[in-house]
């Protein structure tokens, strides 16, 4: 089945508890499979058949059911994300109305009040998310935040998504899950783009890891050394940042798998 919001979850948990083999796949993978199959029409019956064919042809990995604590964390994070989007939208409206040339102070005042109330509610949820992670995943939180460049908010988001990382066999699987696998765009001498990512995972994690990567370029020994090597080879800045995101992900995988805090001598 596809991981469509929360709608797949009840079905996946029920079938898994009944001992059935369950695979939950990124919808983008199914879409790419559909494009390869040159499918031109779409309805529920054909979608179901397409997913069945995908499962038969690709042999996907078995789904590991998240813990109750992990699911609770994901729910809280989901609402935080909604608040973030709503606040950004309202701020854009304030900016638009403030520059409209009309003296409509009551509208702007109302919007600012909504922003303030949402910001308070968001802060409460962020504190609750940190509490849930601290209580249920304290060891994982300490391990991830031991990596220079990664803060508590990013660590909480990652833990909420992956738990203890035991379902990932190697670091490459985790980078693919996050959707930060580098994508080359190179052909002859005319096409050599500055760098891109697969973007198949969580946009929120990518956004947070991007900011962490920028910070890590000056504080994380492994990333600093990698940046120097890439600069020497003339690599574009964006490729360096993407590489930094991948480096951080490998470090996250390393500390979670080993159970040992970040070691600057093993980068």
Protein backbone atom coordinates (compact mmCIF):
# COMPACT_ATOMS: atom_id res chain seq x y z
CA UNK A 1 0.00 0.00 0.00
CA UNK A 2 0.97 3.64 -0.36
CA UNK A 3 1.88 5.81 2.62
CA UNK A 4 -0.93 8.33 2.10
CA UNK A 5 -1.02 10.55 5.17
CA UNK A 6 -2.52 8.63 8.11
CA UNK A 7 -5.14 6.80 6.06
CA UNK A 8 -3.04 3.70 5.43
CA UNK A 9 -2.11 3.25 9.08
CA UNK A 10 -5.17 1.45 10.49
CA UNK A 11 -5.20 -1.03 7.63
CA UNK A 12 -1.44 -1.62 7.84
CA UNK A 13 -1.53 -2.17 11.62
CA UNK A 14 -4.50 -4.54 11.39
CA UNK A 15 -2.94 -6.69 8.66
CA UNK A 16 0.46 -6.69 10.38
CA UNK A 17 -1.06 -7.80 13.70
CA UNK A 18 -2.80 -10.63 11.80
CA UNK A 19 0.61 -11.88 10.65
CA UNK A 20 0.29 -10.69 7.05
CA UNK A 21 3.23 -9.37 5.05
CA UNK A 22 2.73 -5.60 4.77
CA UNK A 23 4.80 -3.19 2.66
CA UNK A 24 4.19 0.55 2.91
CA UNK A 25 5.77 2.46 0.02
CA UNK A 26 6.35 6.09 -0.84
CA UNK A 27 3.61 7.17 -3.32
CA UNK A 28 6.31 8.70 -5.55
CA UNK A 29 7.78 5.23 -6.11
CA UNK A 30 4.37 3.99 -7.27
CA UNK A 31 4.03 7.04 -9.50
CA UNK A 32 7.42 6.37 -11.12
CA UNK A 33 6.44 2.72 -11.65
CA UNK A 34 3.20 3.91 -13.26
CA UNK A 35 5.12 6.20 -15.62
CA UNK A 36 7.42 3.33 -16.60
CA UNK A 37 4.32 1.28 -17.36
CA UNK A 38 3.00 4.08 -19.63
CA UNK A 39 -0.36 4.04 -17.88
CA UNK A 40 -2.74 6.67 -19.29
CA UNK A 41 -5.96 6.22 -17.31
CA UNK A 42 -6.59 6.31 -13.58
CA UNK A 43 -9.29 5.00 -11.23
CA UNK A 44 -9.38 3.15 -7.91
CA UNK A 45 -9.50 -0.32 -9.47
CA UNK A 46 -6.58 0.37 -11.81
CA UNK A 47 -4.61 2.01 -8.98
CA UNK A 48 -5.04 -1.11 -6.84
CA UNK A 49 -3.90 -3.33 -9.69
CA UNK A 50 -0.89 -1.07 -10.31
CA UNK A 51 0.18 -1.29 -6.65
CA UNK A 52 -0.20 -5.08 -6.77
CA UNK A 53 2.02 -5.23 -9.85
CA UNK A 54 4.56 -2.95 -8.18
CA UNK A 55 4.72 -5.27 -5.16
CA UNK A 56 5.08 -8.32 -7.37
CA UNK A 57 7.85 -6.81 -9.51
CA UNK A 58 9.95 -4.97 -6.91
CA UNK A 59 9.80 -7.24 -3.84
CA UNK A 60 9.52 -4.37 -1.29
CA UNK A 61 10.74 -4.59 2.31
CA UNK A 62 8.42 -5.63 5.11
CA UNK A 63 6.89 -2.74 7.02
CA UNK A 64 7.83 -2.31 10.65
CA UNK A 65 4.98 -0.94 12.73
CA UNK A 66 5.94 2.23 14.63
CA UNK A 67 5.60 2.18 18.41
CA UNK A 68 2.71 3.99 20.13
CA UNK A 69 5.18 6.59 21.40
CA UNK A 70 6.52 7.15 17.90
CA UNK A 71 3.01 7.53 16.46
CA UNK A 72 2.08 10.04 19.17
CA UNK A 73 5.21 12.05 18.35
CA UNK A 74 4.34 11.98 14.65
CA UNK A 75 0.83 13.27 15.36
CA UNK A 76 2.18 16.18 17.40
CA UNK A 77 4.75 16.98 14.69
CA UNK A 78 2.02 16.89 12.05
CA UNK A 79 0.01 19.58 13.84
CA UNK A 80 3.17 21.65 14.42
CA UNK A 81 3.77 21.54 10.66
CA UNK A 82 0.20 22.68 10.01
CA UNK A 83 0.66 25.62 12.39
CA UNK A 84 3.93 26.53 10.67
CA UNK A 85 2.23 26.56 7.26
CA UNK A 86 -0.74 28.59 8.54
CA UNK A 87 1.47 31.16 10.27
CA UNK A 88 3.54 31.63 7.11
CA UNK A 89 0.37 32.08 5.04
CA UNK A 90 -1.05 34.67 7.49
CA UNK A 91 2.23 36.60 7.57
CA UNK A 92 2.13 36.78 3.79
CA UNK A 93 -1.39 38.16 4.00
CA UNK A 94 -0.30 40.79 6.53
CA UNK A 95 2.49 41.84 4.18
CA UNK A 96 0.09 42.00 1.22
CA UNK A 97 -2.58 44.02 3.03
CA UNK A 98 0.04 46.35 4.56
CA UNK A 99 1.28 47.23 1.08
CA UNK A 100 -2.13 47.43 -0.61
CA UNK A 101 -2.42 51.19 -0.13
CA UNK A 102 -5.70 50.77 1.78
CA UNK A 103 -6.12 51.86 5.39
CA UNK A 104 -7.61 48.57 6.67
CA UNK A 105 -6.08 48.40 10.13
CA UNK A 106 -8.76 46.14 11.59
CA UNK A 107 -7.95 43.37 9.08
CA UNK A 108 -4.23 43.55 9.79
CA UNK A 109 -4.87 43.65 13.54
CA UNK A 110 -7.08 40.55 13.28
CA UNK A 111 -4.46 38.66 11.25
CA UNK A 112 -1.68 39.54 13.70
CA UNK A 113 -3.85 38.33 16.58
CA UNK A 114 -4.37 34.98 14.81
CA UNK A 115 -0.61 34.69 14.22
CA UNK A 116 0.10 35.37 17.88
CA UNK A 117 -2.43 32.77 19.07
CA UNK A 118 -1.16 30.15 16.62
CA UNK A 119 2.42 30.81 17.65
CA UNK A 120 1.49 30.19 21.30
CA UNK A 121 -0.28 26.93 20.43
CA UNK A 122 2.67 25.85 18.29
CA UNK A 123 5.07 26.51 21.17
CA UNK A 124 2.97 24.36 23.50
CA UNK A 125 3.04 21.49 21.00
CA UNK A 126 6.79 21.85 20.46
CA UNK A 127 7.32 21.58 24.21
CA UNK A 128 5.07 18.49 24.27
CA UNK A 129 7.01 16.92 21.41
CA UNK A 130 10.29 17.48 23.22
CA UNK A 131 8.77 15.97 26.37
CA UNK A 132 7.55 12.87 24.52
CA UNK A 133 10.92 12.33 22.87
CA UNK A 134 12.81 12.98 26.11
CA UNK A 135 10.68 10.46 28.04
CA UNK A 136 10.55 7.71 25.41
CA UNK A 137 13.71 8.19 23.34
CA UNK A 138 16.17 9.91 25.68
CA UNK A 139 19.13 7.78 24.57
CA UNK A 140 18.45 8.41 20.87
CA UNK A 141 18.01 12.15 21.52
CA UNK A 142 21.35 12.36 23.33
CA UNK A 143 23.11 10.41 20.57
CA UNK A 144 21.81 12.51 17.67
CA UNK A 145 22.37 15.86 19.40
CA UNK A 146 25.97 14.83 20.11
CA UNK A 147 26.61 15.41 16.38
CA UNK A 148 27.88 18.97 15.81
CA UNK A 149 25.37 20.90 13.75
CA UNK A 150 22.23 18.99 14.79
CA UNK A 151 19.93 20.57 17.37
CA UNK A 152 17.10 19.26 19.54
CA UNK A 153 14.26 20.20 17.16
CA UNK A 154 15.81 18.33 14.23
CA UNK A 155 16.64 15.34 16.44
CA UNK A 156 13.03 15.17 17.69
CA UNK A 157 11.71 15.29 14.13
CA UNK A 158 14.06 12.51 13.00
CA UNK A 159 13.29 10.28 15.99
CA UNK A 160 9.57 10.76 15.45
CA UNK A 161 10.01 9.54 11.87
CA UNK A 162 12.41 6.62 12.33
CA UNK A 163 12.43 5.68 16.03
CA UNK A 164 15.65 3.82 16.82
CA UNK A 165 16.71 3.27 13.16
CA UNK A 166 16.69 -0.51 13.65
CA UNK A 167 14.62 -0.95 10.49
CA UNK A 168 17.44 0.43 8.33
CA UNK A 169 20.16 -2.01 7.33
CA UNK A 170 22.67 0.61 6.20
CA UNK A 171 23.10 4.37 6.02
CA UNK A 172 22.22 4.46 2.31
CA UNK A 173 18.72 3.24 3.14
CA UNK A 174 18.29 6.11 5.56
CA UNK A 175 19.45 8.75 3.07
CA UNK A 176 17.00 7.31 0.53
CA UNK A 177 14.21 7.40 3.12
CA UNK A 178 14.94 11.06 3.83
CA UNK A 179 15.00 11.79 0.08
CA UNK A 180 18.46 13.36 0.05
CA UNK A 181 20.18 10.91 -2.27
CA UNK A 182 22.21 12.99 -4.75
CA UNK A 183 20.87 13.04 -8.32
CA UNK A 184 23.35 13.72 -11.10
CA UNK A 185 22.34 15.76 -14.15
CA UNK A 186 25.26 15.46 -16.51
CA UNK A 187 25.51 14.95 -20.25
CA UNK A 188 28.56 15.68 -22.40
CA UNK A 189 29.83 19.23 -21.91
CA UNK A 190 26.55 21.14 -22.25
CA UNK A 191 24.62 19.82 -19.21
CA UNK A 192 26.23 19.83 -15.77
CA UNK A 193 23.76 21.15 -13.23
CA UNK A 194 24.73 22.35 -9.79
CA UNK A 195 23.21 19.42 -7.90
CA UNK A 196 19.86 18.04 -6.78
CA UNK A 197 18.22 15.51 -4.48
CA UNK A 198 15.80 12.69 -5.13
CA UNK A 199 13.15 14.43 -2.90
CA UNK A 200 11.31 11.17 -2.25
CA UNK A 201 11.15 11.53 1.54
CA UNK A 202 9.84 14.03 4.07
CA UNK A 203 10.12 17.67 2.89
CA UNK A 204 10.25 18.77 6.54
CA UNK A 205 13.25 16.55 7.34
CA UNK A 206 15.03 17.77 4.21
CA UNK A 207 14.41 21.38 5.18
CA UNK A 208 15.71 20.84 8.71
CA UNK A 209 18.73 18.84 7.53
CA UNK A 210 19.53 21.57 5.02
CA UNK A 211 19.81 24.14 7.82
CA UNK A 212 21.84 21.68 9.90
CA UNK A 213 24.15 21.09 6.94
CA UNK A 214 24.81 24.83 6.61
CA UNK A 215 25.75 24.94 10.29
CA UNK A 216 27.83 21.76 10.10
CA UNK A 217 30.08 23.27 7.42
CA UNK A 218 31.81 25.25 10.19
CA UNK A 219 31.40 23.06 13.31
CA UNK A 220 31.41 19.39 12.25
CA UNK A 221 34.95 17.98 11.71
CA UNK A 222 33.87 15.35 9.17
CA UNK A 223 31.84 17.82 7.15
CA UNK A 224 34.57 20.47 7.28
CA UNK A 225 37.13 18.00 5.90
CA UNK A 226 34.71 16.86 3.19
CA UNK A 227 33.97 20.46 2.21
CA UNK A 228 37.69 21.17 1.80
CA UNK A 229 38.12 18.15 -0.49
CA UNK A 230 35.12 19.10 -2.61
CA UNK A 231 36.18 22.76 -2.85
CA UNK A 232 39.59 21.62 -4.07
CA UNK A 233 37.86 19.66 -6.84
CA UNK A 234 35.83 22.72 -7.84
CA UNK A 235 32.43 21.34 -6.76
CA UNK A 236 29.44 23.69 -6.72
CA UNK A 237 28.31 24.99 -3.32
CA UNK A 238 24.91 23.28 -3.61
CA UNK A 239 26.59 19.92 -4.22
CA UNK A 240 28.67 20.51 -1.09
CA UNK A 241 25.55 21.25 1.00
CA UNK A 242 23.80 18.11 -0.31
CA UNK A 243 26.93 16.10 0.48
CA UNK A 244 26.91 17.62 3.98
CA UNK A 245 23.28 16.52 4.44
CA UNK A 246 24.27 13.00 3.42
CA UNK A 247 27.28 13.08 5.75
CA UNK A 248 25.09 14.13 8.67
CA UNK A 249 22.63 11.33 7.87
CA UNK A 250 25.43 8.77 7.86
CA UNK A 251 26.60 10.14 11.20
CA UNK A 252 23.06 9.87 12.58
CA UNK A 253 22.89 6.27 11.40
CA UNK A 254 26.31 5.58 12.91
CA UNK A 255 25.56 6.88 16.42
CA UNK A 256 22.15 5.18 16.54
CA UNK A 257 23.48 1.82 15.34
CA UNK A 258 26.56 1.86 17.59
CA UNK A 259 24.86 3.39 20.61
CA UNK A 260 27.89 5.63 21.03
CA UNK A 261 28.01 9.42 20.95
CA UNK A 262 29.67 11.29 18.10
CA UNK A 263 33.44 10.81 18.01
CA UNK A 264 35.38 13.55 16.11
CA UNK A 265 38.20 11.04 15.56
CA UNK A 266 35.83 8.72 13.69
CA UNK A 267 34.17 10.98 11.11
